[in-house]
Amino acid sequence: MMALHAFTACDFTSCFKGKGKVSVLNILLKSPGFGKLFQELGISWNKSEDLIQEAEKCVCVMYGKPKLTSVVKLRFLLLKAKLGDDVSPKPKQEIDFSKVPPSTVRLLEHLKRVNHVVMIR
């Protein structure tokens, strides 16, 4: 439970805007495969490639795209849906990038931070 708490934001980690602890817990209950992700966080300082891929899948499910396995594709689809076919935003159109999931690199940093928080607790 500590890893789930840290993953979805605590005093030391960032959060996924609009994705609260309860919604992620519901995802975890419906998809027991993600339990392994949260069980492995905090066990070792090293994170396997499988753990990172599982975290990407979990983020895709959190943002309503369970068939995706890459946050890069997820970010692209969400931004494309926001912008439509027009690549450049219109002058008055604002995009709230805080509602877009993190890139792969940022997700890895988030996992490192979450892992560290769980290890020291």
PDB file of N, CA and C in Angstrom:
ATOM      1  N   MET A   1       0.818  -1.204   0.000  1.00  0.00           N
ATOM      2  CA  MET A   1       0.000   0.000   0.000  1.00  0.00           C
ATOM      3  C   MET A   1       0.860   1.266   0.000  1.00  0.00           C
ATOM      4  N   MET A   2       2.045   1.186   0.582  1.00  0.00           N
ATOM      5  CA  MET A   2       2.921   2.357   0.620  1.00  0.00           C
ATOM      6  C   MET A   2       3.338   2.769  -0.794  1.00  0.00           C
ATOM      7  N   ALA A   3       3.625   1.776  -1.645  1.00  0.00           N
ATOM      8  CA  ALA A   3       4.034   2.079  -3.019  1.00  0.00           C
ATOM      9  C   ALA A   3       2.883   2.720  -3.789  1.00  0.00           C
ATOM     10  N   LEU A   4       1.670   2.234  -3.588  1.00  0.00           N
ATOM     11  CA  LEU A   4       0.502   2.828  -4.244  1.00  0.00           C
ATOM     12  C   LEU A   4       0.320   4.267  -3.781  1.00  0.00           C
ATOM     13  N   HIS A   5       0.471   4.507  -2.501  1.00  0.00           N
ATOM     14  CA  HIS A   5       0.351   5.859  -1.948  1.00  0.00           C
ATOM     15  C   HIS A   5       1.397   6.788  -2.561  1.00  0.00           C
ATOM     16  N   ALA A   6       2.638   6.343  -2.620  1.00  0.00           N
ATOM     17  CA  ALA A   6       3.709   7.176  -3.166  1.00  0.00           C
ATOM     18  C   ALA A   6       3.556   7.359  -4.678  1.00  0.00           C
ATOM     19  N   PHE A   7       3.097   6.329  -5.384  1.00  0.00           N
ATOM     20  CA  PHE A   7       2.939   6.405  -6.838  1.00  0.00           C
ATOM     21  C   PHE A   7       1.887   7.437  -7.222  1.00  0.00           C
ATOM     22  N   THR A   8       0.825   7.517  -6.440  1.00  0.00           N
ATOM     23  CA  THR A   8      -0.273   8.435  -6.766  1.00  0.00           C
ATOM     24  C   THR A   8      -0.133   9.790  -6.088  1.00  0.00           C
ATOM     25  N   ALA A   9       0.991  10.059  -5.491  1.00  0.00           N
ATOM     26  CA  ALA A   9       1.358  11.342  -4.891  1.00  0.00           C
ATOM     27  C   ALA A   9       1.328  11.282  -3.378  1.00  0.00           C
ATOM     28  N   CYS A  10       2.387  11.781  -2.831  1.00  0.00           N
ATOM     29  CA  CYS A  10       2.486  11.968  -1.390  1.00  0.00           C
ATOM     30  C   CYS A  10       3.332  13.224  -1.184  1.00  0.00           C
ATOM     31  N   ASP A  11       3.803  13.457   0.001  1.00  0.00           N
ATOM     32  CA  ASP A  11       4.573  14.673   0.267  1.00  0.00           C
ATOM     33  C   ASP A  11       5.862  14.754  -0.547  1.00  0.00           C
ATOM     34  N   PHE A  12       6.360  13.622  -1.005  1.00  0.00           N
ATOM     35  CA  PHE A  12       7.664  13.585  -1.662  1.00  0.00           C
ATOM     36  C   PHE A  12       7.602  13.308  -3.154  1.00  0.00           C
ATOM     37  N   THR A  13       6.450  12.937  -3.679  1.00  0.00           N
ATOM     38  CA  THR A  13       6.343  12.604  -5.097  1.00  0.00           C
ATOM     39  C   THR A  13       5.246  13.423  -5.758  1.00  0.00           C
ATOM     40  N   SER A  14       5.409  13.592  -7.056  1.00  0.00           N
ATOM     41  CA  SER A  14       4.408  14.324  -7.827  1.00  0.00           C
ATOM     42  C   SER A  14       3.202  13.425  -8.063  1.00  0.00           C
ATOM     43  N   CYS A  15       2.203  13.965  -8.727  1.00  0.00           N
ATOM     44  CA  CYS A  15       1.013  13.167  -8.958  1.00  0.00           C
ATOM     45  C   CYS A  15       0.589  13.247 -10.417  1.00  0.00           C
ATOM     46  N   PHE A  16      -0.391  12.464 -10.747  1.00  0.00           N
ATOM     47  CA  PHE A  16      -1.011  12.488 -12.054  1.00  0.00           C
ATOM     48  C   PHE A  16      -2.277  13.321 -11.894  1.00  0.00           C
ATOM     49  N   LYS A  17      -2.298  14.508 -12.465  1.00  0.00           N
ATOM     50  CA  LYS A  17      -3.417  15.431 -12.251  1.00  0.00           C
ATOM     51  C   LYS A  17      -4.736  14.796 -12.677  1.00  0.00           C
ATOM     52  N   GLY A  18      -5.689  14.837 -11.770  1.00  0.00           N
ATOM     53  CA  GLY A  18      -7.012  14.302 -12.042  1.00  0.00           C
ATOM     54  C   GLY A  18      -7.128  12.802 -11.824  1.00  0.00           C
ATOM     55  N   LYS A  19      -6.043  12.167 -11.404  1.00  0.00           N
ATOM     56  CA  LYS A  19      -6.049  10.720 -11.169  1.00  0.00           C
ATOM     57  C   LYS A  19      -5.762  10.483  -9.693  1.00  0.00           C
ATOM     58  N   GLY A  20      -6.800  10.305  -8.940  1.00  0.00           N
ATOM     59  CA  GLY A  20      -6.645  10.174  -7.497  1.00  0.00           C
ATOM     60  C   GLY A  20      -6.314   8.768  -7.052  1.00  0.00           C
ATOM     61  N   LYS A  21      -6.095   8.629  -5.783  1.00  0.00           N
ATOM     62  CA  LYS A  21      -5.730   7.344  -5.189  1.00  0.00           C
ATOM     63  C   LYS A  21      -6.832   6.299  -5.356  1.00  0.00           C
ATOM     64  N   VAL A  22      -8.076   6.716  -5.213  1.00  0.00           N
ATOM     65  CA  VAL A  22      -9.187   5.771  -5.297  1.00  0.00           C
ATOM     66  C   VAL A  22      -9.316   5.211  -6.708  1.00  0.00           C
ATOM     67  N   SER A  23      -9.165   6.067  -7.729  1.00  0.00           N
ATOM     68  CA  SER A  23      -9.284   5.566  -9.104  1.00  0.00           C
ATOM     69  C   SER A  23      -8.166   4.588  -9.424  1.00  0.00           C
ATOM     70  N   VAL A  24      -6.963   4.851  -8.942  1.00  0.00           N
ATOM     71  CA  VAL A  24      -5.849   3.923  -9.178  1.00  0.00           C
ATOM     72  C   VAL A  24      -6.061   2.639  -8.378  1.00  0.00           C
ATOM     73  N   LEU A  25      -6.587   2.741  -7.183  1.00  0.00           N
ATOM     74  CA  LEU A  25      -6.884   1.541  -6.388  1.00  0.00           C
ATOM     75  C   LEU A  25      -7.938   0.689  -7.093  1.00  0.00           C
ATOM     76  N   ASN A  26      -8.949   1.320  -7.669  1.00  0.00           N
ATOM     77  CA  ASN A  26      -9.964   0.574  -8.417  1.00  0.00           C
ATOM     78  C   ASN A  26      -9.359  -0.135  -9.620  1.00  0.00           C
ATOM     79  N   ILE A  27      -8.435   0.526 -10.304  1.00  0.00           N
ATOM     80  CA  ILE A  27      -7.727  -0.103 -11.428  1.00  0.00           C
ATOM     81  C   ILE A  27      -6.951  -1.310 -10.927  1.00  0.00           C
ATOM     82  N   LEU A  28      -6.298  -1.153  -9.806  1.00  0.00           N
ATOM     83  CA  LEU A  28      -5.508  -2.242  -9.222  1.00  0.00           C
ATOM     84  C   LEU A  28      -6.401  -3.429  -8.863  1.00  0.00           C
ATOM     85  N   LEU A  29      -7.575  -3.143  -8.333  1.00  0.00           N
ATOM     86  CA  LEU A  29      -8.495  -4.224  -7.954  1.00  0.00           C
ATOM     87  C   LEU A  29      -9.053  -4.949  -9.186  1.00  0.00           C
ATOM     88  N   LYS A  30      -9.266  -4.201 -10.275  1.00  0.00           N
ATOM     89  CA  LYS A  30      -9.802  -4.802 -11.504  1.00  0.00           C
ATOM     90  C   LYS A  30      -8.717  -5.503 -12.315  1.00  0.00           C
ATOM     91  N   SER A  31      -7.483  -5.053 -12.181  1.00  0.00           N
ATOM     92  CA  SER A  31      -6.363  -5.625 -12.939  1.00  0.00           C
ATOM     93  C   SER A  31      -5.302  -6.108 -11.960  1.00  0.00           C
ATOM     94  N   PRO A  32      -5.465  -7.298 -11.434  1.00  0.00           N
ATOM     95  CA  PRO A  32      -4.535  -7.768 -10.410  1.00  0.00           C
ATOM     96  C   PRO A  32      -3.089  -7.862 -10.881  1.00  0.00           C
ATOM     97  N   GLY A  33      -2.850  -7.835 -12.183  1.00  0.00           N
ATOM     98  CA  GLY A  33      -1.489  -7.876 -12.695  1.00  0.00           C
ATOM     99  C   GLY A  33      -0.661  -6.683 -12.252  1.00  0.00           C
ATOM    100  N   PHE A  34      -1.316  -5.567 -11.983  1.00  0.00           N
ATOM    101  CA  PHE A  34      -0.593  -4.377 -11.547  1.00  0.00           C
ATOM    102  C   PHE A  34      -0.157  -4.480 -10.087  1.00  0.00           C
ATOM    103  N   GLY A  35      -0.678  -5.447  -9.374  1.00  0.00           N
ATOM    104  CA  GLY A  35      -0.263  -5.642  -7.987  1.00  0.00           C
ATOM    105  C   GLY A  35       1.221  -5.929  -7.882  1.00  0.00           C
ATOM    106  N   LYS A  36       1.749  -6.652  -8.876  1.00  0.00           N
ATOM    107  CA  LYS A  36       3.171  -6.973  -8.892  1.00  0.00           C
ATOM    108  C   LYS A  36       4.005  -5.699  -8.970  1.00  0.00           C
ATOM    109  N   LEU A  37       3.538  -4.732  -9.743  1.00  0.00           N
ATOM    110  CA  LEU A  37       4.242  -3.447  -9.867  1.00  0.00           C
ATOM    111  C   LEU A  37       4.422  -2.806  -8.500  1.00  0.00           C
ATOM    112  N   PHE A  38       3.352  -2.725  -7.743  1.00  0.00           N
ATOM    113  CA  PHE A  38       3.411  -2.051  -6.451  1.00  0.00           C
ATOM    114  C   PHE A  38       4.085  -2.904  -5.377  1.00  0.00           C
ATOM    115  N   GLN A  39       4.098  -4.221  -5.559  1.00  0.00           N
ATOM    116  CA  GLN A  39       4.812  -5.093  -4.625  1.00  0.00           C
ATOM    117  C   GLN A  39       6.318  -4.984  -4.804  1.00  0.00           C
ATOM    118  N   GLU A  40       6.765  -4.795  -6.038  1.00  0.00           N
ATOM    119  CA  GLU A  40       8.199  -4.751  -6.316  1.00  0.00           C
ATOM    120  C   GLU A  40       8.836  -3.409  -5.982  1.00  0.00           C
ATOM    121  N   LEU A  41       8.036  -2.351  -5.961  1.00  0.00           N
ATOM    122  CA  LEU A  41       8.588  -1.041  -5.608  1.00  0.00           C
ATOM    123  C   LEU A  41       9.000  -1.050  -4.144  1.00  0.00           C
ATOM    124  N   GLY A  42      10.214  -0.644  -3.885  1.00  0.00           N
ATOM    125  CA  GLY A  42      10.713  -0.586  -2.524  1.00  0.00           C
ATOM    126  C   GLY A  42      11.496  -1.797  -2.077  1.00  0.00           C
ATOM    127  N   ILE A  43      11.592  -2.810  -2.925  1.00  0.00           N
ATOM    128  CA  ILE A  43      12.337  -4.017  -2.557  1.00  0.00           C
ATOM    129  C   ILE A  43      13.822  -3.857  -2.881  1.00  0.00           C
ATOM    130  N   SER A  44      14.111  -3.265  -4.028  1.00  0.00           N
ATOM    131  CA  SER A  44      15.486  -3.144  -4.484  1.00  0.00           C
ATOM    132  C   SER A  44      15.705  -1.747  -5.071  1.00  0.00           C
ATOM    133  N   TRP A  45      16.946  -1.296  -5.036  1.00  0.00           N
ATOM    134  CA  TRP A  45      17.257   0.006  -5.629  1.00  0.00           C
ATOM    135  C   TRP A  45      17.201  -0.060  -7.150  1.00  0.00           C
ATOM    136  N   ASN A  46      17.400  -1.230  -7.709  1.00  0.00           N
ATOM    137  CA  ASN A  46      17.371  -1.401  -9.165  1.00  0.00           C
ATOM    138  C   ASN A  46      15.969  -1.755  -9.616  1.00  0.00           C
ATOM    139  N   LYS A  47      15.584  -1.191 -10.754  1.00  0.00           N
ATOM    140  CA  LYS A  47      14.275  -1.485 -11.316  1.00  0.00           C
ATOM    141  C   LYS A  47      14.455  -2.220 -12.634  1.00  0.00           C
ATOM    142  N   SER A  48      13.755  -3.325 -12.781  1.00  0.00           N
ATOM    143  CA  SER A  48      13.875  -4.115 -14.000  1.00  0.00           C
ATOM    144  C   SER A  48      13.118  -3.443 -15.141  1.00  0.00           C
ATOM    145  N   GLU A  49      13.457  -3.849 -16.345  1.00  0.00           N
ATOM    146  CA  GLU A  49      12.759  -3.339 -17.528  1.00  0.00           C
ATOM    147  C   GLU A  49      11.289  -3.742 -17.482  1.00  0.00           C
ATOM    148  N   ASP A  50      11.006  -4.927 -16.953  1.00  0.00           N
ATOM    149  CA  ASP A  50       9.618  -5.385 -16.828  1.00  0.00           C
ATOM    150  C   ASP A  50       8.808  -4.473 -15.915  1.00  0.00           C
ATOM    151  N   LEU A  51       9.423  -4.018 -14.845  1.00  0.00           N
ATOM    152  CA  LEU A  51       8.753  -3.116 -13.901  1.00  0.00           C
ATOM    153  C   LEU A  51       8.412  -1.794 -14.579  1.00  0.00           C
ATOM    154  N   ILE A  52       9.328  -1.284 -15.363  1.00  0.00           N
ATOM    155  CA  ILE A  52       9.105  -0.019 -16.073  1.00  0.00           C
ATOM    156  C   ILE A  52       7.985  -0.181 -17.097  1.00  0.00           C
ATOM    157  N   GLN A  53       7.991  -1.287 -17.832  1.00  0.00           N
ATOM    158  CA  GLN A  53       6.930  -1.541 -18.809  1.00  0.00           C
ATOM    159  C   GLN A  53       5.577  -1.703 -18.126  1.00  0.00           C
ATOM    160  N   GLU A  54       5.567  -2.342 -16.967  1.00  0.00           N
ATOM    161  CA  GLU A  54       4.317  -2.514 -16.213  1.00  0.00           C
ATOM    162  C   GLU A  54       3.798  -1.157 -15.736  1.00  0.00           C
ATOM    163  N   ALA A  55       4.693  -0.278 -15.333  1.00  0.00           N
ATOM    164  CA  ALA A  55       4.295   1.063 -14.914  1.00  0.00           C
ATOM    165  C   ALA A  55       3.704   1.837 -16.090  1.00  0.00           C
ATOM    166  N   GLU A  56       4.285   1.680 -17.268  1.00  0.00           N
ATOM    167  CA  GLU A  56       3.743   2.345 -18.460  1.00  0.00           C
ATOM    168  C   GLU A  56       2.338   1.837 -18.763  1.00  0.00           C
ATOM    169  N   LYS A  57       2.134   0.517 -18.675  1.00  0.00           N
ATOM    170  CA  LYS A  57       0.807  -0.052 -18.905  1.00  0.00           C
ATOM    171  C   LYS A  57      -0.197   0.488 -17.892  1.00  0.00           C
ATOM    172  N   CYS A  58       0.232   0.589 -16.637  1.00  0.00           N
ATOM    173  CA  CYS A  58      -0.648   1.084 -15.575  1.00  0.00           C
ATOM    174  C   CYS A  58      -1.065   2.530 -15.858  1.00  0.00           C
ATOM    175  N   VAL A  59      -0.126   3.354 -16.293  1.00  0.00           N
ATOM    176  CA  VAL A  59      -0.436   4.753 -16.610  1.00  0.00           C
ATOM    177  C   VAL A  59      -1.411   4.817 -17.785  1.00  0.00           C
ATOM    178  N   CYS A  60      -1.228   3.961 -18.776  1.00  0.00           N
ATOM    179  CA  CYS A  60      -2.152   3.939 -19.912  1.00  0.00           C
ATOM    180  C   CYS A  60      -3.565   3.591 -19.460  1.00  0.00           C
ATOM    181  N   VAL A  61      -3.687   2.628 -18.550  1.00  0.00           N
ATOM    182  CA  VAL A  61      -5.007   2.259 -18.013  1.00  0.00           C
ATOM    183  C   VAL A  61      -5.578   3.423 -17.200  1.00  0.00           C
ATOM    184  N   MET A  62      -4.727   4.098 -16.436  1.00  0.00           N
ATOM    185  CA  MET A  62      -5.181   5.237 -15.632  1.00  0.00           C
ATOM    186  C   MET A  62      -5.797   6.329 -16.501  1.00  0.00           C
ATOM    187  N   TYR A  63      -5.270   6.506 -17.701  1.00  0.00           N
ATOM    188  CA  TYR A  63      -5.760   7.538 -18.606  1.00  0.00           C
ATOM    189  C   TYR A  63      -6.791   7.013 -19.600  1.00  0.00           C
ATOM    190  N   GLY A  64      -7.336   5.827 -19.328  1.00  0.00           N
ATOM    191  CA  GLY A  64      -8.452   5.315 -20.109  1.00  0.00           C
ATOM    192  C   GLY A  64      -8.086   4.670 -21.427  1.00  0.00           C
ATOM    193  N   LYS A  65      -6.849   4.257 -21.597  1.00  0.00           N
ATOM    194  CA  LYS A  65      -6.413   3.599 -22.834  1.00  0.00           C
ATOM    195  C   LYS A  65      -5.762   2.256 -22.493  1.00  0.00           C
ATOM    196  N   PRO A  66      -6.556   1.270 -22.054  1.00  0.00           N
ATOM    197  CA  PRO A  66      -5.986   0.009 -21.573  1.00  0.00           C
ATOM    198  C   PRO A  66      -5.292  -0.830 -22.648  1.00  0.00           C
ATOM    199  N   LYS A  67      -5.555  -0.559 -23.908  1.00  0.00           N
ATOM    200  CA  LYS A  67      -4.914  -1.349 -24.969  1.00  0.00           C
ATOM    201  C   LYS A  67      -3.506  -0.858 -25.282  1.00  0.00           C
ATOM    202  N   LEU A  68      -3.163   0.337 -24.839  1.00  0.00           N
ATOM    203  CA  LEU A  68      -1.827   0.877 -25.094  1.00  0.00           C
ATOM    204  C   LEU A  68      -0.840   0.363 -24.052  1.00  0.00           C
ATOM    205  N   THR A  69       0.428   0.333 -24.444  1.00  0.00           N
ATOM    206  CA  THR A  69       1.476  -0.094 -23.510  1.00  0.00           C
ATOM    207  C   THR A  69       2.607   0.913 -23.439  1.00  0.00           C
ATOM    208  N   SER A  70       2.465   2.051 -24.106  1.00  0.00           N
ATOM    209  CA  SER A  70       3.531   3.047 -24.169  1.00  0.00           C
ATOM    210  C   SER A  70       2.977   4.428 -23.808  1.00  0.00           C
ATOM    211  N   VAL A  71       3.656   5.119 -22.894  1.00  0.00           N
ATOM    212  CA  VAL A  71       3.200   6.458 -22.539  1.00  0.00           C
ATOM    213  C   VAL A  71       3.474   7.446 -23.676  1.00  0.00           C
ATOM    214  N   VAL A  72       4.420   7.135 -24.543  1.00  0.00           N
ATOM    215  CA  VAL A  72       4.683   8.003 -25.700  1.00  0.00           C
ATOM    216  C   VAL A  72       3.469   8.008 -26.611  1.00  0.00           C
ATOM    217  N   LYS A  73       2.942   6.824 -26.925  1.00  0.00           N
ATOM    218  CA  LYS A  73       1.745   6.724 -27.769  1.00  0.00           C
ATOM    219  C   LYS A  73       0.542   7.341 -27.066  1.00  0.00           C
ATOM    220  N   LEU A  74       0.452   7.125 -25.766  1.00  0.00           N
ATOM    221  CA  LEU A  74      -0.646   7.690 -24.986  1.00  0.00           C
ATOM    222  C   LEU A  74      -0.626   9.211 -25.046  1.00  0.00           C
ATOM    223  N   ARG A  75       0.533   9.809 -24.827  1.00  0.00           N
ATOM    224  CA  ARG A  75       0.666  11.266 -24.890  1.00  0.00           C
ATOM    225  C   ARG A  75       0.274  11.778 -26.271  1.00  0.00           C
ATOM    226  N   PHE A  76       0.737  11.089 -27.309  1.00  0.00           N
ATOM    227  CA  PHE A  76       0.426  11.489 -28.672  1.00  0.00           C
ATOM    228  C   PHE A  76      -1.079  11.472 -28.921  1.00  0.00           C
ATOM    229  N   LEU A  77      -1.743  10.377 -28.539  1.00  0.00           N
ATOM    230  CA  LEU A  77      -3.189  10.266 -28.767  1.00  0.00           C
ATOM    231  C   LEU A  77      -3.975  11.314 -27.985  1.00  0.00           C
ATOM    232  N   LEU A  78      -3.574  11.576 -26.742  1.00  0.00           N
ATOM    233  CA  LEU A  78      -4.288  12.565 -25.937  1.00  0.00           C
ATOM    234  C   LEU A  78      -4.110  13.972 -26.509  1.00  0.00           C
ATOM    235  N   LEU A  79      -2.907  14.299 -26.941  1.00  0.00           N
ATOM    236  CA  LEU A  79      -2.676  15.622 -27.534  1.00  0.00           C
ATOM    237  C   LEU A  79      -3.349  15.746 -28.890  1.00  0.00           C
ATOM    238  N   LYS A  80      -3.352  14.669 -29.656  1.00  0.00           N
ATOM    239  CA  LYS A  80      -4.027  14.695 -30.956  1.00  0.00           C
ATOM    240  C   LYS A  80      -5.532  14.890 -30.764  1.00  0.00           C
ATOM    241  N   ALA A  81      -6.094  14.240 -29.751  1.00  0.00           N
ATOM    242  CA  ALA A  81      -7.520  14.407 -29.468  1.00  0.00           C
ATOM    243  C   ALA A  81      -7.825  15.848 -29.067  1.00  0.00           C
ATOM    244  N   LYS A  82      -6.907  16.468 -28.358  1.00  0.00           N
ATOM    245  CA  LYS A  82      -7.103  17.852 -27.912  1.00  0.00           C
ATOM    246  C   LYS A  82      -6.985  18.829 -29.074  1.00  0.00           C
ATOM    247  N   LEU A  83      -5.997  18.593 -29.951  1.00  0.00           N
ATOM    248  CA  LEU A  83      -5.747  19.516 -31.059  1.00  0.00           C
ATOM    249  C   LEU A  83      -6.544  19.201 -32.308  1.00  0.00           C
ATOM    250  N   GLY A  84      -7.004  17.980 -32.430  1.00  0.00           N
ATOM    251  CA  GLY A  84      -7.678  17.572 -33.656  1.00  0.00           C
ATOM    252  C   GLY A  84      -6.639  17.340 -34.739  1.00  0.00           C
ATOM    253  N   ASP A  85      -6.998  17.621 -35.980  1.00  0.00           N
ATOM    254  CA  ASP A  85      -6.070  17.423 -37.088  1.00  0.00           C
ATOM    255  C   ASP A  85      -5.086  18.574 -37.226  1.00  0.00           C
ATOM    256  N   ASP A  86      -5.386  19.695 -36.582  1.00  0.00           N
ATOM    257  CA  ASP A  86      -4.514  20.856 -36.662  1.00  0.00           C
ATOM    258  C   ASP A  86      -3.314  20.647 -35.740  1.00  0.00           C
ATOM    259  N   VAL A  87      -2.114  20.687 -36.302  1.00  0.00           N
ATOM    260  CA  VAL A  87      -0.908  20.429 -35.524  1.00  0.00           C
ATOM    261  C   VAL A  87      -0.592  21.575 -34.577  1.00  0.00           C
ATOM    262  N   SER A  88      -0.775  22.784 -35.009  1.00  0.00           N
ATOM    263  CA  SER A  88      -0.470  23.932 -34.146  1.00  0.00           C
ATOM    264  C   SER A  88      -1.738  24.429 -33.475  1.00  0.00           C
ATOM    265  N   PRO A  89      -1.668  24.743 -32.183  1.00  0.00           N
ATOM    266  CA  PRO A  89      -2.862  25.228 -31.486  1.00  0.00           C
ATOM    267  C   PRO A  89      -3.286  26.600 -32.001  1.00  0.00           C
ATOM    268  N   LYS A  90      -4.553  26.830 -31.932  1.00  0.00           N
ATOM    269  CA  LYS A  90      -5.076  28.137 -32.329  1.00  0.00           C
ATOM    270  C   LYS A  90      -4.634  29.180 -31.304  1.00  0.00           C
ATOM    271  N   PRO A  91      -4.581  30.460 -31.681  1.00  0.00           N
ATOM    272  CA  PRO A  91      -4.046  31.479 -30.768  1.00  0.00           C
ATOM    273  C   PRO A  91      -4.672  31.487 -29.382  1.00  0.00           C
ATOM    274  N   LYS A  92      -5.963  31.299 -29.274  1.00  0.00           N
ATOM    275  CA  LYS A  92      -6.618  31.371 -27.967  1.00  0.00           C
ATOM    276  C   LYS A  92      -6.775  29.999 -27.319  1.00  0.00           C
ATOM    277  N   GLN A  93      -6.386  28.948 -28.028  1.00  0.00           N
ATOM    278  CA  GLN A  93      -6.531  27.601 -27.483  1.00  0.00           C
ATOM    279  C   GLN A  93      -5.389  27.309 -26.512  1.00  0.00           C
ATOM    280  N   GLU A  94      -5.752  26.929 -25.318  1.00  0.00           N
ATOM    281  CA  GLU A  94      -4.752  26.599 -24.311  1.00  0.00           C
ATOM    282  C   GLU A  94      -4.757  25.096 -24.070  1.00  0.00           C
ATOM    283  N   ILE A  95      -3.581  24.547 -23.879  1.00  0.00           N
ATOM    284  CA  ILE A  95      -3.441  23.131 -23.575  1.00  0.00           C
ATOM    285  C   ILE A  95      -2.874  23.019 -22.174  1.00  0.00           C
ATOM    286  N   ASP A  96      -3.574  22.296 -21.329  1.00  0.00           N
ATOM    287  CA  ASP A  96      -3.111  22.078 -19.962  1.00  0.00           C
ATOM    288  C   ASP A  96      -2.238  20.824 -19.948  1.00  0.00           C
ATOM    289  N   PHE A  97      -0.923  21.026 -20.056  1.00  0.00           N
ATOM    290  CA  PHE A  97      -0.005  19.898 -20.122  1.00  0.00           C
ATOM    291  C   PHE A  97       0.101  19.148 -18.794  1.00  0.00           C
ATOM    292  N   SER A  98      -0.432  19.710 -17.724  1.00  0.00           N
ATOM    293  CA  SER A  98      -0.411  18.984 -16.453  1.00  0.00           C
ATOM    294  C   SER A  98      -1.384  17.809 -16.476  1.00  0.00           C
ATOM    295  N   LYS A  99      -2.315  17.807 -17.435  1.00  0.00           N
ATOM    296  CA  LYS A  99      -3.269  16.706 -17.550  1.00  0.00           C
ATOM    297  C   LYS A  99      -2.783  15.618 -18.496  1.00  0.00           C
ATOM    298  N   VAL A 100      -1.609  15.830 -19.081  1.00  0.00           N
ATOM    299  CA  VAL A 100      -1.012  14.844 -19.980  1.00  0.00           C
ATOM    300  C   VAL A 100      -0.064  13.978 -19.147  1.00  0.00           C
ATOM    301  N   PRO A 101      -0.060  12.674 -19.366  1.00  0.00           N
ATOM    302  CA  PRO A 101       0.827  11.816 -18.577  1.00  0.00           C
ATOM    303  C   PRO A 101       2.298  12.141 -18.838  1.00  0.00           C
ATOM    304  N   PRO A 102       3.157  11.746 -17.935  1.00  0.00           N
ATOM    305  CA  PRO A 102       4.582  12.044 -18.102  1.00  0.00           C
ATOM    306  C   PRO A 102       5.188  11.250 -19.258  1.00  0.00           C
ATOM    307  N   SER A 103       6.280  11.767 -19.784  1.00  0.00           N
ATOM    308  CA  SER A 103       7.014  11.037 -20.816  1.00  0.00           C
ATOM    309  C   SER A 103       7.675   9.816 -20.172  1.00  0.00           C
ATOM    310  N   THR A 104       8.241   8.971 -20.991  1.00  0.00           N
ATOM    311  CA  THR A 104       8.903   7.768 -20.482  1.00  0.00           C
ATOM    312  C   THR A 104      10.036   8.129 -19.534  1.00  0.00           C
ATOM    313  N   VAL A 105      10.812   9.135 -19.901  1.00  0.00           N
ATOM    314  CA  VAL A 105      11.938   9.558 -19.059  1.00  0.00           C
ATOM    315  C   VAL A 105      11.432  10.086 -17.719  1.00  0.00           C
ATOM    316  N   ARG A 106      10.399  10.905 -17.737  1.00  0.00           N
ATOM    317  CA  ARG A 106       9.844  11.457 -16.498  1.00  0.00           C
ATOM    318  C   ARG A 106       9.173  10.368 -15.663  1.00  0.00           C
ATOM    319  N   LEU A 107       8.545   9.406 -16.318  1.00  0.00           N
ATOM    320  CA  LEU A 107       7.934   8.302 -15.579  1.00  0.00           C
ATOM    321  C   LEU A 107       9.013   7.488 -14.869  1.00  0.00           C
ATOM    322  N   LEU A 108      10.135   7.276 -15.536  1.00  0.00           N
ATOM    323  CA  LEU A 108      11.247   6.565 -14.909  1.00  0.00           C
ATOM    324  C   LEU A 108      11.751   7.331 -13.691  1.00  0.00           C
ATOM    325  N   GLU A 109      11.872   8.644 -13.802  1.00  0.00           N
ATOM    326  CA  GLU A 109      12.285   9.458 -12.648  1.00  0.00           C
ATOM    327  C   GLU A 109      11.258   9.368 -11.523  1.00  0.00           C
ATOM    328  N   HIS A 110       9.980   9.367 -11.899  1.00  0.00           N
ATOM    329  CA  HIS A 110       8.910   9.239 -10.903  1.00  0.00           C
ATOM    330  C   HIS A 110       9.033   7.887 -10.188  1.00  0.00           C
ATOM    331  N   LEU A 111       9.282   6.820 -10.950  1.00  0.00           N
ATOM    332  CA  LEU A 111       9.436   5.496 -10.344  1.00  0.00           C
ATOM    333  C   LEU A 111      10.637   5.445  -9.409  1.00  0.00           C
ATOM    334  N   LYS A 112      11.736   6.098  -9.794  1.00  0.00           N
ATOM    335  CA  LYS A 112      12.915   6.142  -8.923  1.00  0.00           C
ATOM    336  C   LYS A 112      12.577   6.833  -7.607  1.00  0.00           C
ATOM    337  N   ARG A 113      11.851   7.941  -7.705  1.00  0.00           N
ATOM    338  CA  ARG A 113      11.481   8.695  -6.507  1.00  0.00           C
ATOM    339  C   ARG A 113      10.544   7.879  -5.629  1.00  0.00           C
ATOM    340  N   VAL A 114       9.544   7.248  -6.258  1.00  0.00           N
ATOM    341  CA  VAL A 114       8.606   6.408  -5.508  1.00  0.00           C
ATOM    342  C   VAL A 114       9.356   5.265  -4.834  1.00  0.00           C
ATOM    343  N   ASN A 115      10.248   4.625  -5.568  1.00  0.00           N
ATOM    344  CA  ASN A 115      11.030   3.518  -5.021  1.00  0.00           C
ATOM    345  C   ASN A 115      11.853   3.984  -3.822  1.00  0.00           C
ATOM    346  N   HIS A 116      12.461   5.140  -3.945  1.00  0.00           N
ATOM    347  CA  HIS A 116      13.270   5.676  -2.853  1.00  0.00           C
ATOM    348  C   HIS A 116      12.416   5.956  -1.602  1.00  0.00           C
ATOM    349  N   VAL A 117      11.256   6.560  -1.812  1.00  0.00           N
ATOM    350  CA  VAL A 117      10.359   6.859  -0.689  1.00  0.00           C
ATOM    351  C   VAL A 117       9.935   5.585   0.017  1.00  0.00           C
ATOM    352  N   VAL A 118       9.596   4.560  -0.752  1.00  0.00           N
ATOM    353  CA  VAL A 118       9.147   3.307  -0.150  1.00  0.00           C
ATOM    354  C   VAL A 118      10.305   2.608   0.555  1.00  0.00           C
ATOM    355  N   MET A 119      11.507   2.692  -0.003  1.00  0.00           N
ATOM    356  CA  MET A 119      12.673   2.043   0.625  1.00  0.00           C
ATOM    357  C   MET A 119      13.010   2.664   1.979  1.00  0.00           C
ATOM    358  N   ILE A 120      12.884   3.979   2.101  1.00  0.00           N
ATOM    359  CA  ILE A 120      13.304   4.621   3.345  1.00  0.00           C
ATOM    360  C   ILE A 120      12.212   4.629   4.406  1.00  0.00           C
ATOM    361  N   ARG A 121      11.005   4.277   4.056  1.00  0.00           N
ATOM    362  CA  ARG A 121       9.900   4.280   5.028  1.00  0.00           C
ATOM    363  C   ARG A 121       9.856   3.032   5.809  1.00  0.00           C
TER     364      ARG A 121
END
